[in-house]
Amino acid sequence: EVPTGEPGVVTVDIDQSVEGIVADAMRGLG
């Protein structure tokens, strides 16, 4: 991904990554 200098974009990318990790963890526990 190319940084755009917009904090919002970076935050969204981080949130999506965290959600993916949480989803994987839930699948592992479930």
C-alpha atoms as a PDB file:
ATOM      1  CA  GLU A   1       0.000   0.000   0.000  1.00  0.00           C
ATOM      2  CA  VAL A   2       1.187   3.520  -0.750  1.00  0.00           C
ATOM      3  CA  PRO A   3       0.987   6.008   2.144  1.00  0.00           C
ATOM      4  CA  THR A   4      -1.285   8.908   1.239  1.00  0.00           C
ATOM      5  CA  GLY A   5      -0.468  11.020   4.284  1.00  0.00           C
ATOM      6  CA  GLU A   6      -4.076  10.733   5.462  1.00  0.00           C
ATOM      7  CA  PRO A   7      -4.270   9.406   9.056  1.00  0.00           C
ATOM      8  CA  GLY A   8      -7.795   8.132   8.418  1.00  0.00           C
ATOM      9  CA  VAL A   9      -6.604   5.775   5.706  1.00  0.00           C
ATOM     10  CA  VAL A  10      -3.862   4.353   7.909  1.00  0.00           C
ATOM     11  CA  THR A  11      -6.295   3.943  10.802  1.00  0.00           C
ATOM     12  CA  VAL A  12      -8.759   2.055   8.615  1.00  0.00           C
ATOM     13  CA  ASP A  13      -5.994  -0.256   7.378  1.00  0.00           C
ATOM     14  CA  ILE A  14      -4.958  -0.969  10.967  1.00  0.00           C
ATOM     15  CA  ASP A  15      -8.560  -1.554  12.074  1.00  0.00           C
ATOM     16  CA  GLN A  16      -9.133  -3.986   9.220  1.00  0.00           C
ATOM     17  CA  SER A  17      -5.933  -5.851  10.104  1.00  0.00           C
ATOM     18  CA  VAL A  18      -6.977  -6.084  13.761  1.00  0.00           C
ATOM     19  CA  GLU A  19     -10.437  -7.311  12.790  1.00  0.00           C
ATOM     20  CA  GLY A  20      -8.832  -9.979  10.604  1.00  0.00           C
ATOM     21  CA  ILE A  21      -6.612 -11.119  13.481  1.00  0.00           C
ATOM     22  CA  VAL A  22      -9.582 -11.218  15.863  1.00  0.00           C
ATOM     23  CA  ALA A  23     -11.629 -13.187  13.317  1.00  0.00           C
ATOM     24  CA  ASP A  24      -8.804 -15.708  12.922  1.00  0.00           C
ATOM     25  CA  ALA A  25      -8.534 -16.019  16.707  1.00  0.00           C
ATOM     26  CA  MET A  26     -12.288 -16.572  17.030  1.00  0.00           C
ATOM     27  CA  ARG A  27     -12.137 -19.296  14.361  1.00  0.00           C
ATOM     28  CA  GLY A  28      -9.277 -20.964  16.233  1.00  0.00           C
ATOM     29  CA  LEU A  29     -11.196 -20.899  19.525  1.00  0.00           C
ATOM     30  CA  GLY A  30     -14.500 -21.873  17.925  1.00  0.00           C
END
